[in-house]
Protein backbone atom coordinates (compact mmCIF):
# COMPACT_ATOMS: atom_id res chain seq x y z
CA UNK A 1 0.00 0.00 0.00
CA UNK A 2 1.68 3.12 -1.16
CA UNK A 3 -1.25 5.44 -1.74
CA UNK A 4 -3.23 7.22 0.95
CA UNK A 5 -6.93 7.69 0.24
CA UNK A 6 -9.28 10.44 1.34
CA UNK A 7 -11.86 9.96 4.10
CA UNK A 8 -14.76 9.58 1.69
CA UNK A 9 -12.89 7.07 -0.45
CA UNK A 10 -12.01 4.98 2.60
CA UNK A 11 -15.64 5.03 3.75
CA UNK A 12 -16.90 3.99 0.33
CA UNK A 13 -14.34 1.22 -0.05
CA UNK A 14 -15.09 -0.24 3.38
CA UNK A 15 -18.87 -0.19 3.03
CA UNK A 16 -18.96 -1.30 -0.62
CA UNK A 17 -16.49 -4.13 -0.10
CA UNK A 18 -18.51 -5.48 2.84
CA UNK A 19 -21.71 -5.32 0.80
CA UNK A 20 -20.19 -6.85 -2.34
CA UNK A 21 -18.38 -9.60 -0.42
CA UNK A 22 -21.57 -10.40 1.51
CA UNK A 23 -23.61 -10.63 -1.67
CA UNK A 24 -20.98 -12.88 -3.26
CA UNK A 25 -20.84 -15.17 -0.24
CA UNK A 26 -24.58 -15.53 0.00
CA UNK A 27 -25.05 -16.03 -3.73
CA UNK A 28 -22.35 -18.74 -3.89
CA UNK A 29 -23.96 -20.50 -0.95
CA UNK A 30 -27.49 -20.03 -2.30
CA UNK A 31 -26.79 -21.28 -5.84
CA UNK A 32 -23.81 -23.55 -5.29
CA UNK A 33 -24.75 -25.25 -2.04
CA UNK A 34 -28.49 -24.74 -1.48
CA UNK A 35 -28.62 -27.49 1.15
CA UNK A 36 -26.47 -25.32 3.45
CA UNK A 37 -28.36 -22.08 2.90
CA UNK A 38 -30.52 -20.79 5.77
CA UNK A 39 -32.11 -17.44 6.46
CA UNK A 40 -29.66 -16.87 9.32
CA UNK A 41 -26.85 -16.50 6.80
CA UNK A 42 -28.33 -13.18 5.70
CA UNK A 43 -27.39 -11.64 9.04
CA UNK A 44 -23.64 -12.14 8.49
CA UNK A 45 -23.14 -9.28 5.97
CA UNK A 46 -25.51 -7.06 7.96
CA UNK A 47 -23.50 -7.74 11.13
CA UNK A 48 -20.20 -6.88 9.47
CA UNK A 49 -21.74 -3.81 7.84
CA UNK A 50 -22.71 -2.59 11.31
CA UNK A 51 -19.19 -3.30 12.58
CA UNK A 52 -17.70 -1.44 9.60
CA UNK A 53 -19.93 1.57 10.15
CA UNK A 54 -19.01 1.62 13.86
CA UNK A 55 -15.32 1.57 12.93
CA UNK A 56 -15.76 4.43 10.46
CA UNK A 57 -17.77 6.45 12.99
CA UNK A 58 -15.08 5.96 15.64
CA UNK A 59 -12.37 7.07 13.22
CA UNK A 60 -14.31 10.14 12.11
CA UNK A 61 -14.83 11.07 15.76
CA UNK A 62 -11.13 10.64 16.47
CA UNK A 63 -10.26 12.82 13.47
CA UNK A 64 -12.73 15.53 14.45
CA UNK A 65 -11.32 15.79 17.99
CA UNK A 66 -7.67 15.76 16.86
CA UNK A 67 -6.65 13.40 19.64
CA UNK A 68 -3.08 12.51 20.43
CA UNK A 69 -2.07 9.50 18.35
CA UNK A 70 -1.60 7.36 21.47
CA UNK A 71 -5.09 8.09 22.75
CA UNK A 72 -6.55 7.56 19.31
CA UNK A 73 -4.88 4.16 19.00
CA UNK A 74 -5.99 3.22 22.50
CA UNK A 75 -9.60 4.00 21.59
CA UNK A 76 -9.33 2.06 18.34
CA UNK A 77 -7.84 -0.92 20.15
CA UNK A 78 -10.69 -0.77 22.66
CA UNK A 79 -13.13 -0.75 19.74
CA UNK A 80 -11.29 -3.74 18.24
CA UNK A 81 -11.52 -5.66 21.51
CA UNK A 82 -15.24 -4.92 21.83
CA UNK A 83 -15.84 -6.00 18.23
CA UNK A 84 -13.83 -9.19 18.75
CA UNK A 85 -15.73 -10.17 21.91
CA UNK A 86 -19.03 -9.28 20.26
CA UNK A 87 -18.14 -11.42 17.24
CA UNK A 88 -17.21 -14.36 19.43
CA UNK A 89 -20.42 -13.87 21.40
CA UNK A 90 -22.53 -13.92 18.24
CA UNK A 91 -20.65 -16.95 16.97
CA UNK A 92 -21.01 -18.94 20.19
CA UNK A 93 -24.67 -17.96 20.55
CA UNK A 94 -25.36 -19.21 17.05
CA UNK A 95 -23.50 -22.48 17.58
CA UNK A 96 -25.09 -23.10 20.98
CA UNK A 97 -28.74 -22.25 20.30
CA UNK A 98 -29.44 -22.37 16.59
CA UNK A 99 -27.49 -25.56 15.83
CA UNK A 100 -28.36 -25.58 12.14
CA UNK A 101 -25.69 -26.07 9.48
CA UNK A 102 -22.75 -25.13 11.68
CA UNK A 103 -20.09 -25.63 9.04
CA UNK A 104 -21.56 -23.26 6.49
CA UNK A 105 -22.17 -20.58 9.08
CA UNK A 106 -18.66 -20.93 10.53
CA UNK A 107 -17.10 -20.79 7.08
CA UNK A 108 -19.02 -17.68 6.03
CA UNK A 109 -18.52 -15.98 9.37
CA UNK A 110 -14.79 -16.75 9.29
CA UNK A 111 -14.35 -15.51 5.73
CA UNK A 112 -16.24 -12.32 6.53
CA UNK A 113 -14.12 -11.80 9.63
CA UNK A 114 -10.90 -12.20 7.63
CA UNK A 115 -12.18 -9.66 5.09
CA UNK A 116 -13.13 -7.30 7.91
CA UNK A 117 -9.63 -7.59 9.42
CA UNK A 118 -8.16 -6.71 6.02
CA UNK A 119 -10.42 -3.68 5.83
CA UNK A 120 -9.33 -2.62 9.32
CA UNK A 121 -5.71 -2.87 8.23
CA UNK A 122 -6.54 -0.69 5.22
CA UNK A 123 -8.27 1.90 7.41
CA UNK A 124 -5.47 1.92 9.99
CA UNK A 125 -2.85 2.29 7.28
CA UNK A 126 -4.65 5.32 5.92
CA UNK A 127 -4.86 6.88 9.38
CA UNK A 128 -1.17 6.28 10.05
CA UNK A 129 -0.06 7.53 6.64
CA UNK A 130 -2.33 10.57 6.90
CA UNK A 131 -0.79 11.41 10.29
CA UNK A 132 2.77 11.00 8.97
CA UNK A 133 2.04 13.16 5.92
CA UNK A 134 0.52 15.86 8.11
CA UNK A 135 3.65 15.95 10.29
CA UNK A 136 5.89 16.17 7.22
CA UNK A 137 3.85 19.06 5.83
CA UNK A 138 4.12 20.89 9.16
CA UNK A 139 7.91 20.43 9.13
CA UNK A 140 8.12 21.77 5.59
CA UNK A 141 6.02 24.82 6.50
CA UNK A 142 8.30 25.56 9.45
CA UNK A 143 11.38 25.31 7.23
CA UNK A 144 9.84 27.62 4.65
CA UNK A 145 8.93 30.18 7.30
CA UNK A 146 12.55 30.33 8.51
C-alpha atoms as a PDB file:
ATOM      1  CA  UNK A   1       0.000   0.000   0.000  1.00  0.00           C
ATOM      2  CA  UNK A   2       1.678   3.125  -1.162  1.00  0.00           C
ATOM      3  CA  UNK A   3      -1.252   5.442  -1.739  1.00  0.00           C
ATOM      4  CA  UNK A   4      -3.234   7.220   0.946  1.00  0.00           C
ATOM      5  CA  UNK A   5      -6.927   7.693   0.240  1.00  0.00           C
ATOM      6  CA  UNK A   6      -9.279  10.438   1.336  1.00  0.00           C
ATOM      7  CA  UNK A   7     -11.856   9.961   4.099  1.00  0.00           C
ATOM      8  CA  UNK A   8     -14.762   9.581   1.693  1.00  0.00           C
ATOM      9  CA  UNK A   9     -12.885   7.067  -0.452  1.00  0.00           C
ATOM     10  CA  UNK A  10     -12.008   4.980   2.599  1.00  0.00           C
ATOM     11  CA  UNK A  11     -15.636   5.028   3.748  1.00  0.00           C
ATOM     12  CA  UNK A  12     -16.900   3.993   0.327  1.00  0.00           C
ATOM     13  CA  UNK A  13     -14.340   1.219  -0.046  1.00  0.00           C
ATOM     14  CA  UNK A  14     -15.085  -0.237   3.383  1.00  0.00           C
ATOM     15  CA  UNK A  15     -18.866  -0.191   3.028  1.00  0.00           C
ATOM     16  CA  UNK A  16     -18.960  -1.299  -0.620  1.00  0.00           C
ATOM     17  CA  UNK A  17     -16.488  -4.128  -0.097  1.00  0.00           C
ATOM     18  CA  UNK A  18     -18.508  -5.481   2.840  1.00  0.00           C
ATOM     19  CA  UNK A  19     -21.713  -5.317   0.799  1.00  0.00           C
ATOM     20  CA  UNK A  20     -20.188  -6.853  -2.337  1.00  0.00           C
ATOM     21  CA  UNK A  21     -18.376  -9.598  -0.416  1.00  0.00           C
ATOM     22  CA  UNK A  22     -21.567 -10.396   1.513  1.00  0.00           C
ATOM     23  CA  UNK A  23     -23.607 -10.628  -1.668  1.00  0.00           C
ATOM     24  CA  UNK A  24     -20.980 -12.882  -3.262  1.00  0.00           C
ATOM     25  CA  UNK A  25     -20.839 -15.167  -0.236  1.00  0.00           C
ATOM     26  CA  UNK A  26     -24.585 -15.526   0.004  1.00  0.00           C
ATOM     27  CA  UNK A  27     -25.048 -16.034  -3.733  1.00  0.00           C
ATOM     28  CA  UNK A  28     -22.354 -18.738  -3.888  1.00  0.00           C
ATOM     29  CA  UNK A  29     -23.957 -20.502  -0.953  1.00  0.00           C
ATOM     30  CA  UNK A  30     -27.493 -20.034  -2.296  1.00  0.00           C
ATOM     31  CA  UNK A  31     -26.794 -21.282  -5.840  1.00  0.00           C
ATOM     32  CA  UNK A  32     -23.808 -23.551  -5.292  1.00  0.00           C
ATOM     33  CA  UNK A  33     -24.746 -25.254  -2.044  1.00  0.00           C
ATOM     34  CA  UNK A  34     -28.490 -24.738  -1.476  1.00  0.00           C
ATOM     35  CA  UNK A  35     -28.622 -27.493   1.147  1.00  0.00           C
ATOM     36  CA  UNK A  36     -26.466 -25.322   3.451  1.00  0.00           C
ATOM     37  CA  UNK A  37     -28.360 -22.075   2.900  1.00  0.00           C
ATOM     38  CA  UNK A  38     -30.521 -20.789   5.767  1.00  0.00           C
ATOM     39  CA  UNK A  39     -32.111 -17.437   6.458  1.00  0.00           C
ATOM     40  CA  UNK A  40     -29.665 -16.870   9.322  1.00  0.00           C
ATOM     41  CA  UNK A  41     -26.847 -16.498   6.796  1.00  0.00           C
ATOM     42  CA  UNK A  42     -28.331 -13.176   5.701  1.00  0.00           C
ATOM     43  CA  UNK A  43     -27.386 -11.640   9.037  1.00  0.00           C
ATOM     44  CA  UNK A  44     -23.635 -12.144   8.492  1.00  0.00           C
ATOM     45  CA  UNK A  45     -23.144  -9.279   5.966  1.00  0.00           C
ATOM     46  CA  UNK A  46     -25.509  -7.061   7.963  1.00  0.00           C
ATOM     47  CA  UNK A  47     -23.501  -7.744  11.129  1.00  0.00           C
ATOM     48  CA  UNK A  48     -20.203  -6.876   9.466  1.00  0.00           C
ATOM     49  CA  UNK A  49     -21.737  -3.813   7.838  1.00  0.00           C
ATOM     50  CA  UNK A  50     -22.713  -2.589  11.307  1.00  0.00           C
ATOM     51  CA  UNK A  51     -19.185  -3.300  12.583  1.00  0.00           C
ATOM     52  CA  UNK A  52     -17.697  -1.442   9.604  1.00  0.00           C
ATOM     53  CA  UNK A  53     -19.927   1.571  10.154  1.00  0.00           C
ATOM     54  CA  UNK A  54     -19.010   1.620  13.856  1.00  0.00           C
ATOM     55  CA  UNK A  55     -15.316   1.566  12.928  1.00  0.00           C
ATOM     56  CA  UNK A  56     -15.757   4.429  10.459  1.00  0.00           C
ATOM     57  CA  UNK A  57     -17.768   6.449  12.990  1.00  0.00           C
ATOM     58  CA  UNK A  58     -15.083   5.961  15.637  1.00  0.00           C
ATOM     59  CA  UNK A  59     -12.373   7.067  13.216  1.00  0.00           C
ATOM     60  CA  UNK A  60     -14.309  10.141  12.105  1.00  0.00           C
ATOM     61  CA  UNK A  61     -14.833  11.074  15.756  1.00  0.00           C
ATOM     62  CA  UNK A  62     -11.129  10.645  16.468  1.00  0.00           C
ATOM     63  CA  UNK A  63     -10.260  12.816  13.473  1.00  0.00           C
ATOM     64  CA  UNK A  64     -12.732  15.529  14.453  1.00  0.00           C
ATOM     65  CA  UNK A  65     -11.318  15.785  17.990  1.00  0.00           C
ATOM     66  CA  UNK A  66      -7.670  15.765  16.857  1.00  0.00           C
ATOM     67  CA  UNK A  67      -6.646  13.398  19.635  1.00  0.00           C
ATOM     68  CA  UNK A  68      -3.078  12.509  20.435  1.00  0.00           C
ATOM     69  CA  UNK A  69      -2.069   9.503  18.354  1.00  0.00           C
ATOM     70  CA  UNK A  70      -1.595   7.363  21.473  1.00  0.00           C
ATOM     71  CA  UNK A  71      -5.090   8.086  22.751  1.00  0.00           C
ATOM     72  CA  UNK A  72      -6.555   7.563  19.307  1.00  0.00           C
ATOM     73  CA  UNK A  73      -4.883   4.159  18.995  1.00  0.00           C
ATOM     74  CA  UNK A  74      -5.993   3.224  22.499  1.00  0.00           C
ATOM     75  CA  UNK A  75      -9.600   3.998  21.586  1.00  0.00           C
ATOM     76  CA  UNK A  76      -9.330   2.061  18.345  1.00  0.00           C
ATOM     77  CA  UNK A  77      -7.838  -0.923  20.149  1.00  0.00           C
ATOM     78  CA  UNK A  78     -10.691  -0.774  22.662  1.00  0.00           C
ATOM     79  CA  UNK A  79     -13.131  -0.751  19.743  1.00  0.00           C
ATOM     80  CA  UNK A  80     -11.287  -3.735  18.242  1.00  0.00           C
ATOM     81  CA  UNK A  81     -11.521  -5.659  21.514  1.00  0.00           C
ATOM     82  CA  UNK A  82     -15.239  -4.923  21.829  1.00  0.00           C
ATOM     83  CA  UNK A  83     -15.844  -6.002  18.227  1.00  0.00           C
ATOM     84  CA  UNK A  84     -13.831  -9.188  18.745  1.00  0.00           C
ATOM     85  CA  UNK A  85     -15.733 -10.166  21.906  1.00  0.00           C
ATOM     86  CA  UNK A  86     -19.030  -9.281  20.262  1.00  0.00           C
ATOM     87  CA  UNK A  87     -18.139 -11.422  17.237  1.00  0.00           C
ATOM     88  CA  UNK A  88     -17.208 -14.362  19.434  1.00  0.00           C
ATOM     89  CA  UNK A  89     -20.423 -13.873  21.398  1.00  0.00           C
ATOM     90  CA  UNK A  90     -22.530 -13.921  18.241  1.00  0.00           C
ATOM     91  CA  UNK A  91     -20.654 -16.947  16.970  1.00  0.00           C
ATOM     92  CA  UNK A  92     -21.013 -18.936  20.189  1.00  0.00           C
ATOM     93  CA  UNK A  93     -24.670 -17.955  20.553  1.00  0.00           C
ATOM     94  CA  UNK A  94     -25.360 -19.206  17.053  1.00  0.00           C
ATOM     95  CA  UNK A  95     -23.504 -22.477  17.582  1.00  0.00           C
ATOM     96  CA  UNK A  96     -25.090 -23.097  20.981  1.00  0.00           C
ATOM     97  CA  UNK A  97     -28.738 -22.253  20.298  1.00  0.00           C
ATOM     98  CA  UNK A  98     -29.441 -22.374  16.592  1.00  0.00           C
ATOM     99  CA  UNK A  99     -27.485 -25.563  15.835  1.00  0.00           C
ATOM    100  CA  UNK A 100     -28.363 -25.576  12.143  1.00  0.00           C
ATOM    101  CA  UNK A 101     -25.693 -26.070   9.476  1.00  0.00           C
ATOM    102  CA  UNK A 102     -22.754 -25.128  11.680  1.00  0.00           C
ATOM    103  CA  UNK A 103     -20.085 -25.627   9.043  1.00  0.00           C
ATOM    104  CA  UNK A 104     -21.563 -23.262   6.488  1.00  0.00           C
ATOM    105  CA  UNK A 105     -22.173 -20.581   9.082  1.00  0.00           C
ATOM    106  CA  UNK A 106     -18.660 -20.932  10.529  1.00  0.00           C
ATOM    107  CA  UNK A 107     -17.101 -20.793   7.081  1.00  0.00           C
ATOM    108  CA  UNK A 108     -19.023 -17.684   6.028  1.00  0.00           C
ATOM    109  CA  UNK A 109     -18.521 -15.979   9.375  1.00  0.00           C
ATOM    110  CA  UNK A 110     -14.793 -16.752   9.291  1.00  0.00           C
ATOM    111  CA  UNK A 111     -14.351 -15.511   5.730  1.00  0.00           C
ATOM    112  CA  UNK A 112     -16.235 -12.317   6.528  1.00  0.00           C
ATOM    113  CA  UNK A 113     -14.116 -11.798   9.630  1.00  0.00           C
ATOM    114  CA  UNK A 114     -10.903 -12.197   7.625  1.00  0.00           C
ATOM    115  CA  UNK A 115     -12.180  -9.655   5.085  1.00  0.00           C
ATOM    116  CA  UNK A 116     -13.127  -7.305   7.909  1.00  0.00           C
ATOM    117  CA  UNK A 117      -9.630  -7.592   9.418  1.00  0.00           C
ATOM    118  CA  UNK A 118      -8.161  -6.706   6.018  1.00  0.00           C
ATOM    119  CA  UNK A 119     -10.425  -3.675   5.834  1.00  0.00           C
ATOM    120  CA  UNK A 120      -9.329  -2.625   9.324  1.00  0.00           C
ATOM    121  CA  UNK A 121      -5.708  -2.872   8.229  1.00  0.00           C
ATOM    122  CA  UNK A 122      -6.537  -0.691   5.220  1.00  0.00           C
ATOM    123  CA  UNK A 123      -8.273   1.901   7.412  1.00  0.00           C
ATOM    124  CA  UNK A 124      -5.470   1.924   9.993  1.00  0.00           C
ATOM    125  CA  UNK A 125      -2.847   2.286   7.281  1.00  0.00           C
ATOM    126  CA  UNK A 126      -4.650   5.322   5.918  1.00  0.00           C
ATOM    127  CA  UNK A 127      -4.861   6.882   9.380  1.00  0.00           C
ATOM    128  CA  UNK A 128      -1.170   6.281  10.047  1.00  0.00           C
ATOM    129  CA  UNK A 129      -0.061   7.528   6.640  1.00  0.00           C
ATOM    130  CA  UNK A 130      -2.329  10.569   6.903  1.00  0.00           C
ATOM    131  CA  UNK A 131      -0.791  11.410  10.286  1.00  0.00           C
ATOM    132  CA  UNK A 132       2.765  11.004   8.965  1.00  0.00           C
ATOM    133  CA  UNK A 133       2.043  13.156   5.919  1.00  0.00           C
ATOM    134  CA  UNK A 134       0.522  15.863   8.106  1.00  0.00           C
ATOM    135  CA  UNK A 135       3.650  15.948  10.289  1.00  0.00           C
ATOM    136  CA  UNK A 136       5.890  16.174   7.215  1.00  0.00           C
ATOM    137  CA  UNK A 137       3.847  19.065   5.827  1.00  0.00           C
ATOM    138  CA  UNK A 138       4.122  20.891   9.157  1.00  0.00           C
ATOM    139  CA  UNK A 139       7.911  20.429   9.129  1.00  0.00           C
ATOM    140  CA  UNK A 140       8.121  21.767   5.585  1.00  0.00           C
ATOM    141  CA  UNK A 141       6.024  24.818   6.501  1.00  0.00           C
ATOM    142  CA  UNK A 142       8.302  25.564   9.447  1.00  0.00           C
ATOM    143  CA  UNK A 143      11.376  25.312   7.226  1.00  0.00           C
ATOM    144  CA  UNK A 144       9.837  27.617   4.649  1.00  0.00           C
ATOM    145  CA  UNK A 145       8.934  30.182   7.304  1.00  0.00           C
ATOM    146  CA  UNK A 146      12.551  30.331   8.514  1.00  0.00           C
END
